[in-house]
Amino acid sequence: MSRVVEISEKPIIRALTYFTGRIRDINDLESTLFRAREVLSIVERALNEFGFKVFTKRVSFPGLSRSLITRLLDLAESDLLVSIGYSREIDDREIVEFTTSGLYVPLLHIGEPSIDRARYYSQIIHKVSSANPIGATRLSIGFHDKSFQTPYFPDSSSRGMEELGVAFLYPKQVVNELERGKTLFDAFAPVFSELKNAVEAVESTSRLHTLVDYSLSPWMENSVAELYEKSGYGILGPGGLYFTWLLNRIISELSVGVNRTGFNEVMLPYAEDSLLVNYGYKGLLRARDLLALSSTCVAGVDMIVVPEDIDALTKLIASAMSIAIVKQRPISLRAIPVPMKPGDSADLGRFGKIPVIPY
């Protein structure tokens, strides 16, 4: 069964993320987790009083050492999602262990596209997914510099300062405004007004510097792909890239002057959008289609469920690297290769059963 989010009049806080300071030792780790839990709980209660629901609470570390990550396995609790940050100390075996144990592991690629590095990433992804496909949902490859910071997981790493990050779930609210006869820009405007109200509540309650990723992201029936259809642009049709650009421009204009962080663009994670999943069931969608969309949206190659094939995934990753260089914007990739053929369904736990798509 997939996790269902009730559609409310207000946008949902998709991610309420506590970015930690530097962690020097185990005592730091333990006290920081205690502090994070306390802050997140207080802020969640305040948001609830204002009518905002919190979908997930998260903690993002600034690249932990191997020993601290091992200790973290014993300390982390199921109600908090935890990212270890960009760590250079862990090897392939540990990446498998940590992701399958529930931790989020972002890998960082800096520099020119490289088929050899792409193969290395493909091999790691295959190892993790072979151990447990759900573990692969907690592993990402980021193509950007180390200063990048977002409340979205897995590609999340604290810059080493205590801050809060917020991301929202709001496609249905925009669709509802469109159905009332508003133009696209006017449909977004009142929704963003509510987003800013939520941010003010977070800042006034926590008294912490609060950063916001205003990306338009889906969760199952709260679908971004539906917004394309309602606006007359098929996501896979000839106007799909244009409409993506248009959405990104609106997001950028409405979030000017706010403490933005992260991607702030359209997100199209395949396995997290029920309409995209439906396209997969109908055989209408390929991984390369989502790769093409990544030229105008940040996470076009995200949560794809594909057949096991190290060479094919290597080439897909190398192509994503190339788009990141040309686009000069942050891109992140997440793939779940499984021993199945296109059209088969893979069980991804809370994401539900997701159809495998071809490369």
Protein backbone atom coordinates (compact mmCIF):
# COMPACT_ATOMS: atom_id res chain seq x y z
CA MET A 1 0.00 0.00 0.00
CA SER A 2 1.34 3.44 -0.89
CA ARG A 3 1.21 6.18 1.70
CA VAL A 4 -1.72 8.50 1.02
CA VAL A 5 -1.67 12.20 1.84
CA GLU A 6 -5.06 13.80 2.40
CA ILE A 7 -5.58 16.76 0.09
CA SER A 8 -6.29 19.83 2.23
CA GLU A 9 -7.12 23.44 1.43
CA LYS A 10 -3.66 24.44 2.60
CA PRO A 11 -0.41 23.17 1.09
CA ILE A 12 1.27 20.36 3.01
CA ILE A 13 4.74 20.65 4.53
CA ARG A 14 6.37 17.87 2.58
CA ALA A 15 9.72 18.13 4.37
CA LEU A 16 10.55 19.92 7.61
CA THR A 17 14.31 19.49 7.75
CA TYR A 18 16.75 20.29 10.56
CA PHE A 19 20.21 21.08 9.16
CA THR A 20 22.81 20.31 11.81
CA GLY A 21 26.02 22.05 12.77
CA ARG A 22 29.38 20.29 12.55
CA ILE A 23 29.55 17.01 14.43
CA ARG A 24 32.88 16.37 16.16
CA ASP A 25 32.20 13.25 18.19
CA ILE A 26 29.55 10.85 19.47
CA ASN A 27 28.48 13.24 22.23
CA ASP A 28 27.85 15.90 19.59
CA LEU A 29 25.88 13.39 17.55
CA GLU A 30 23.64 12.39 20.45
CA SER A 31 22.98 15.95 21.64
CA THR A 32 22.30 17.13 18.09
CA LEU A 33 19.72 14.41 17.48
CA PHE A 34 18.02 15.33 20.75
CA ARG A 35 18.02 19.02 19.77
CA ALA A 36 16.71 18.21 16.28
CA ARG A 37 13.84 16.14 17.61
CA GLU A 38 12.90 18.88 20.10
CA VAL A 39 12.96 21.69 17.53
CA LEU A 40 11.07 19.72 14.87
CA SER A 41 8.36 18.71 17.33
CA ILE A 42 7.84 22.28 18.55
CA VAL A 43 7.67 23.62 15.00
CA GLU A 44 5.30 20.86 13.88
CA ARG A 45 2.89 21.70 16.69
CA ALA A 46 2.96 25.37 15.74
CA LEU A 47 2.33 24.57 12.07
CA ASN A 48 -0.59 22.34 13.02
CA GLU A 49 -2.11 25.22 14.97
CA PHE A 50 -1.96 27.31 11.78
CA GLY A 51 -3.65 24.51 9.82
CA PHE A 52 -0.56 23.10 8.10
CA LYS A 53 0.10 19.37 8.15
CA VAL A 54 3.68 18.06 8.25
CA PHE A 55 4.26 15.02 6.04
CA THR A 56 7.84 14.21 7.11
CA LYS A 57 10.40 15.46 9.63
CA ARG A 58 14.05 15.11 8.64
CA VAL A 59 17.60 15.63 9.87
CA SER A 60 20.43 16.44 7.46
CA PHE A 61 24.05 16.09 8.59
CA PRO A 62 27.14 17.71 7.00
CA GLY A 63 28.98 14.56 5.88
CA LEU A 64 29.58 12.24 8.81
CA SER A 65 32.59 10.03 9.44
CA ARG A 66 32.30 6.27 9.17
CA SER A 67 32.30 5.78 12.95
CA LEU A 68 29.60 8.39 13.51
CA ILE A 69 27.39 6.90 10.80
CA THR A 70 27.72 3.49 12.42
CA ARG A 71 26.65 4.99 15.74
CA LEU A 72 23.81 6.81 14.00
CA LEU A 73 22.33 3.46 12.99
CA ASP A 74 21.65 2.80 16.68
CA LEU A 75 20.35 6.29 17.47
CA ALA A 76 18.04 7.11 14.55
CA GLU A 77 14.32 6.49 15.08
CA SER A 78 11.69 5.67 12.49
CA ASP A 79 9.76 8.95 12.79
CA LEU A 80 12.76 10.94 11.53
CA LEU A 81 14.31 10.59 8.09
CA VAL A 82 18.09 11.04 8.33
CA SER A 83 20.67 11.94 5.68
CA ILE A 84 24.35 11.37 6.43
CA GLY A 85 25.38 14.19 4.08
CA TYR A 86 28.22 14.17 1.57
CA SER A 87 30.73 11.76 3.10
CA ARG A 88 33.95 10.70 1.39
CA GLU A 89 34.82 8.04 3.95
CA ILE A 90 32.40 5.27 3.09
CA ASP A 91 32.88 2.45 0.58
CA ASP A 92 30.47 0.46 -1.59
CA ARG A 93 29.75 -2.15 1.08
CA GLU A 94 28.92 0.53 3.65
CA ILE A 95 26.67 2.39 1.21
CA VAL A 96 24.68 -0.82 0.82
CA GLU A 97 24.56 -1.33 4.58
CA PHE A 98 23.53 2.23 5.41
CA THR A 99 20.81 2.61 2.76
CA THR A 100 19.25 -0.77 3.47
CA SER A 101 19.27 0.12 7.18
CA GLY A 102 17.17 3.22 6.54
CA LEU A 103 19.71 6.06 6.24
CA TYR A 104 19.75 8.38 3.23
CA VAL A 105 23.07 8.55 1.36
CA PRO A 106 23.75 11.35 -1.15
CA LEU A 107 26.75 10.89 -3.44
CA LEU A 108 28.28 13.96 -5.04
CA HIS A 109 29.79 14.20 -8.52
CA ILE A 110 31.82 17.33 -9.19
CA GLY A 111 33.46 17.97 -12.53
CA GLU A 112 33.17 17.01 -16.17
CA PRO A 113 31.05 14.11 -17.41
CA SER A 114 32.96 10.83 -17.17
CA ILE A 115 31.83 7.46 -18.48
CA ASP A 116 34.11 5.76 -15.95
CA ARG A 117 32.56 7.61 -13.01
CA ALA A 118 29.11 6.98 -14.45
CA ARG A 119 29.88 3.25 -14.51
CA TYR A 120 31.08 3.42 -10.91
CA TYR A 121 27.80 5.05 -9.85
CA SER A 122 25.80 2.54 -11.89
CA GLN A 123 27.56 -0.35 -10.17
CA ILE A 124 26.88 1.10 -6.71
CA ILE A 125 23.21 1.67 -7.51
CA HIS A 126 22.91 -1.90 -8.78
CA LYS A 127 24.55 -3.27 -5.62
CA VAL A 128 22.18 -1.36 -3.36
CA SER A 129 19.07 -2.27 -5.35
CA SER A 130 20.13 -5.92 -5.53
CA ALA A 131 20.34 -6.00 -1.73
CA ASN A 132 16.99 -4.21 -1.36
CA PRO A 133 15.25 -2.08 -4.02
CA ILE A 134 13.81 0.16 -1.29
CA GLY A 135 17.40 0.95 -0.26
CA ALA A 136 17.98 2.40 -3.73
CA THR A 137 15.24 4.96 -3.08
CA ARG A 138 17.53 6.37 -0.36
CA LEU A 139 20.57 6.78 -2.64
CA SER A 140 21.13 9.68 -5.03
CA ILE A 141 23.84 11.06 -7.28
CA GLY A 142 24.04 14.85 -7.24
CA PHE A 143 25.62 16.84 -10.07
CA HIS A 144 26.45 20.19 -8.49
CA ASP A 145 28.96 21.71 -6.06
CA LYS A 146 29.29 20.89 -2.37
CA SER A 147 27.68 24.14 -1.18
CA PHE A 148 24.31 22.97 -2.50
CA GLN A 149 21.71 22.44 0.24
CA THR A 150 18.09 21.27 0.04
CA PRO A 151 15.50 19.85 2.44
CA TYR A 152 14.70 17.22 -0.21
CA PHE A 153 16.19 13.77 0.33
CA PRO A 154 18.29 11.88 -0.59
CA ASP A 155 20.43 14.67 -2.08
CA SER A 156 20.62 16.64 1.16
CA SER A 157 23.69 17.66 3.14
CA SER A 158 23.96 20.37 5.79
CA ARG A 159 26.51 23.14 5.26
CA GLY A 160 27.44 22.78 8.92
CA MET A 161 25.21 25.51 10.37
CA GLU A 162 22.09 25.00 12.46
CA GLU A 163 19.21 25.96 10.18
CA LEU A 164 15.77 24.74 9.18
CA GLY A 165 14.69 23.81 5.68
CA VAL A 166 11.15 23.58 4.35
CA ALA A 167 9.70 22.01 1.20
CA PHE A 168 6.04 21.86 0.23
CA LEU A 169 3.47 19.63 -1.44
CA TYR A 170 1.07 21.82 -3.41
CA PRO A 171 0.15 20.58 -6.94
CA LYS A 172 -3.51 19.98 -6.02
CA GLN A 173 -3.88 23.48 -4.66
CA VAL A 174 -2.69 24.92 -8.00
CA VAL A 175 -4.99 22.58 -9.95
CA ASN A 176 -7.93 23.65 -7.77
CA GLU A 177 -7.22 27.31 -8.51
CA LEU A 178 -7.03 26.57 -12.25
CA GLU A 179 -10.40 24.83 -12.09
CA ARG A 180 -11.83 28.04 -10.63
CA GLY A 181 -10.95 29.73 -13.93
CA LYS A 182 -7.71 31.45 -12.96
CA THR A 183 -4.72 31.90 -15.23
CA LEU A 184 -1.66 29.80 -14.45
CA PHE A 185 0.22 32.63 -12.71
CA ASP A 186 -2.87 33.66 -10.75
CA ALA A 187 -3.39 30.04 -9.72
CA PHE A 188 0.09 29.92 -8.18
CA ALA A 189 -0.05 33.32 -6.44
CA PRO A 190 -2.47 32.50 -3.56
CA VAL A 191 -0.76 29.16 -3.01
CA PHE A 192 2.61 30.89 -2.61
CA SER A 193 1.02 33.32 -0.19
CA GLU A 194 0.12 30.33 1.99
CA LEU A 195 3.64 28.90 1.60
CA LYS A 196 5.11 32.14 2.91
CA ASN A 197 2.68 32.10 5.85
CA ALA A 198 3.98 28.66 6.74
CA VAL A 199 7.59 29.84 6.51
CA GLU A 200 6.83 32.77 8.84
CA ALA A 201 5.33 30.34 11.34
CA VAL A 202 8.46 28.18 11.19
CA GLU A 203 10.81 31.13 11.68
CA SER A 204 8.85 32.76 14.49
CA THR A 205 8.53 29.49 16.39
CA SER A 206 12.05 28.12 15.93
CA ARG A 207 13.96 31.43 15.84
CA LEU A 208 16.29 29.69 13.40
CA HIS A 209 17.33 30.82 9.95
CA THR A 210 14.83 29.09 7.66
CA LEU A 211 15.55 28.14 4.06
CA VAL A 212 12.92 27.14 1.53
CA ASP A 213 12.95 24.92 -1.55
CA TYR A 214 9.86 26.00 -3.49
CA SER A 215 10.03 23.12 -5.96
CA LEU A 216 6.74 21.81 -7.33
CA SER A 217 6.87 18.14 -6.37
CA PRO A 218 4.27 15.33 -6.33
CA TRP A 219 3.19 12.61 -3.97
CA MET A 220 0.99 10.05 -5.67
CA GLU A 221 -2.50 11.52 -6.35
CA ASN A 222 -1.16 14.98 -5.52
CA SER A 223 0.27 14.89 -9.02
CA VAL A 224 2.46 17.34 -10.91
CA ALA A 225 1.73 15.52 -14.19
CA GLU A 226 -1.98 16.27 -13.65
CA LEU A 227 -1.18 19.99 -13.74
CA TYR A 228 0.27 19.51 -17.24
CA GLU A 229 -2.88 17.74 -18.43
CA LYS A 230 -5.23 20.30 -16.85
CA SER A 231 -3.31 23.06 -18.63
CA GLY A 232 -3.51 21.36 -22.03
CA TYR A 233 0.15 20.31 -22.24
CA GLY A 234 0.88 16.60 -22.33
CA ILE A 235 4.00 16.01 -20.31
CA LEU A 236 5.35 13.76 -23.08
CA GLY A 237 3.99 15.88 -25.93
CA PRO A 238 5.74 18.57 -27.98
CA GLY A 239 4.77 21.30 -25.50
CA GLY A 240 5.96 19.49 -22.39
CA LEU A 241 9.36 21.16 -22.22
CA TYR A 242 7.85 24.59 -22.80
CA PHE A 243 5.30 24.13 -20.02
CA THR A 244 8.05 22.95 -17.67
CA TRP A 245 10.00 26.12 -18.43
CA LEU A 246 6.87 28.19 -17.83
CA LEU A 247 6.24 26.57 -14.45
CA ASN A 248 9.86 27.12 -13.44
CA ARG A 249 9.63 30.80 -14.39
CA ILE A 250 6.51 31.27 -12.25
CA ILE A 251 8.15 29.52 -9.29
CA SER A 252 11.20 31.76 -9.69
CA GLU A 253 9.17 34.98 -9.92
CA LEU A 254 6.97 34.20 -6.92
CA SER A 255 9.86 33.21 -4.67
CA VAL A 256 12.07 36.24 -5.33
CA GLY A 257 13.35 37.88 -2.15
CA VAL A 258 12.79 34.80 -0.03
CA ASN A 259 15.47 32.60 1.55
CA ARG A 260 15.55 30.10 -1.28
CA THR A 261 17.72 27.02 -1.21
CA GLY A 262 18.02 23.88 -3.27
CA PHE A 263 16.31 23.27 -6.62
CA ASN A 264 13.23 25.53 -6.81
CA GLU A 265 11.97 23.92 -10.00
CA VAL A 266 9.49 21.34 -11.25
CA MET A 267 10.18 17.85 -9.93
CA LEU A 268 9.01 14.72 -11.75
CA PRO A 269 9.99 11.69 -9.65
CA TYR A 270 8.49 8.82 -11.62
CA ALA A 271 7.49 6.49 -8.77
CA GLU A 272 6.06 9.34 -6.66
CA ASP A 273 3.50 10.66 -9.16
CA SER A 274 0.44 8.47 -9.74
CA LEU A 275 -0.17 9.84 -13.24
CA LEU A 276 3.44 9.17 -14.29
CA VAL A 277 3.07 5.66 -12.85
CA ASN A 278 -0.09 5.25 -14.92
CA TYR A 279 1.90 6.26 -18.02
CA GLY A 280 4.37 3.54 -17.05
CA TYR A 281 1.61 0.93 -16.82
CA LYS A 282 0.41 1.94 -20.29
CA GLY A 283 3.90 1.64 -21.78
CA LEU A 284 4.00 5.34 -22.66
CA LEU A 285 7.08 6.27 -20.65
CA ARG A 286 10.79 5.51 -20.99
CA ALA A 287 13.74 6.56 -18.85
CA ARG A 288 15.08 8.56 -21.79
CA ASP A 289 11.85 10.61 -21.83
CA LEU A 290 12.49 11.67 -18.24
CA LEU A 291 16.13 12.32 -19.14
CA ALA A 292 14.95 14.71 -21.87
CA LEU A 293 12.73 16.50 -19.36
CA SER A 294 15.72 17.01 -17.06
CA SER A 295 16.96 19.62 -19.54
CA THR A 296 14.24 21.92 -18.20
CA CYS A 297 13.39 20.44 -14.79
CA VAL A 298 15.67 19.46 -11.99
CA ALA A 299 14.63 15.93 -11.16
CA GLY A 300 13.53 14.46 -14.45
CA VAL A 301 15.66 11.38 -13.80
CA ASP A 302 14.35 10.59 -10.35
CA MET A 303 12.84 7.43 -8.87
CA ILE A 304 12.96 5.58 -12.18
CA VAL A 305 12.38 1.83 -11.93
CA VAL A 306 14.29 0.15 -14.75
CA PRO A 307 15.61 -3.33 -15.67
CA GLU A 308 18.99 -4.33 -14.26
CA ASP A 309 21.55 -3.28 -16.88
CA ILE A 310 24.82 -1.72 -15.72
CA ASP A 311 25.77 -0.51 -19.21
CA ALA A 312 22.41 1.12 -19.95
CA LEU A 313 22.28 2.88 -16.59
CA THR A 314 25.91 3.98 -17.04
CA LYS A 315 25.00 5.74 -20.28
CA LEU A 316 21.92 7.31 -18.71
CA ILE A 317 24.00 8.66 -15.82
CA ALA A 318 26.66 10.01 -18.20
CA SER A 319 23.94 11.77 -20.17
CA ALA A 320 22.56 13.30 -16.96
CA MET A 321 26.07 14.54 -16.15
CA SER A 322 26.21 16.21 -19.56
CA ILE A 323 22.85 17.93 -19.10
CA ALA A 324 23.98 19.26 -15.72
CA ILE A 325 27.08 20.80 -17.31
CA VAL A 326 25.16 22.38 -20.19
CA LYS A 327 22.26 23.54 -18.01
CA GLN A 328 24.52 24.92 -15.27
CA ARG A 329 21.87 24.06 -12.69
CA PRO A 330 21.82 21.41 -9.94
CA ILE A 331 20.55 18.00 -11.04
CA SER A 332 20.08 14.85 -9.00
CA LEU A 333 19.53 11.27 -10.15
CA ARG A 334 17.87 8.33 -8.42
CA ALA A 335 17.33 4.93 -10.05
CA ILE A 336 16.05 1.55 -8.90
CA PRO A 337 17.28 -1.23 -11.22
CA VAL A 338 15.42 -4.52 -10.70
CA PRO A 339 15.67 -8.05 -12.22
CA MET A 340 12.47 -7.57 -14.19
CA LYS A 341 11.40 -6.59 -17.67
CA PRO A 342 9.44 -3.49 -18.71
CA GLY A 343 5.80 -3.82 -17.73
CA ASP A 344 6.50 -5.91 -14.64
CA SER A 345 5.76 -4.33 -11.25
CA ALA A 346 8.31 -3.85 -8.47
CA ASP A 347 7.18 -3.59 -4.85
CA LEU A 348 8.74 -0.46 -3.35
CA GLY A 349 7.08 -0.53 0.05
CA ARG A 350 5.43 2.80 0.89
CA PHE A 351 5.67 3.82 -2.78
CA GLY A 352 3.50 0.86 -3.74
CA LYS A 353 3.90 -1.40 -6.78
CA ILE A 354 5.62 0.51 -9.56
CA PRO A 355 5.80 -0.63 -13.21
CA VAL A 356 9.27 -1.09 -14.67
CA ILE A 357 9.97 1.20 -17.63
CA PRO A 358 12.51 0.67 -20.44
CA TYR A 359 15.63 2.77 -20.86
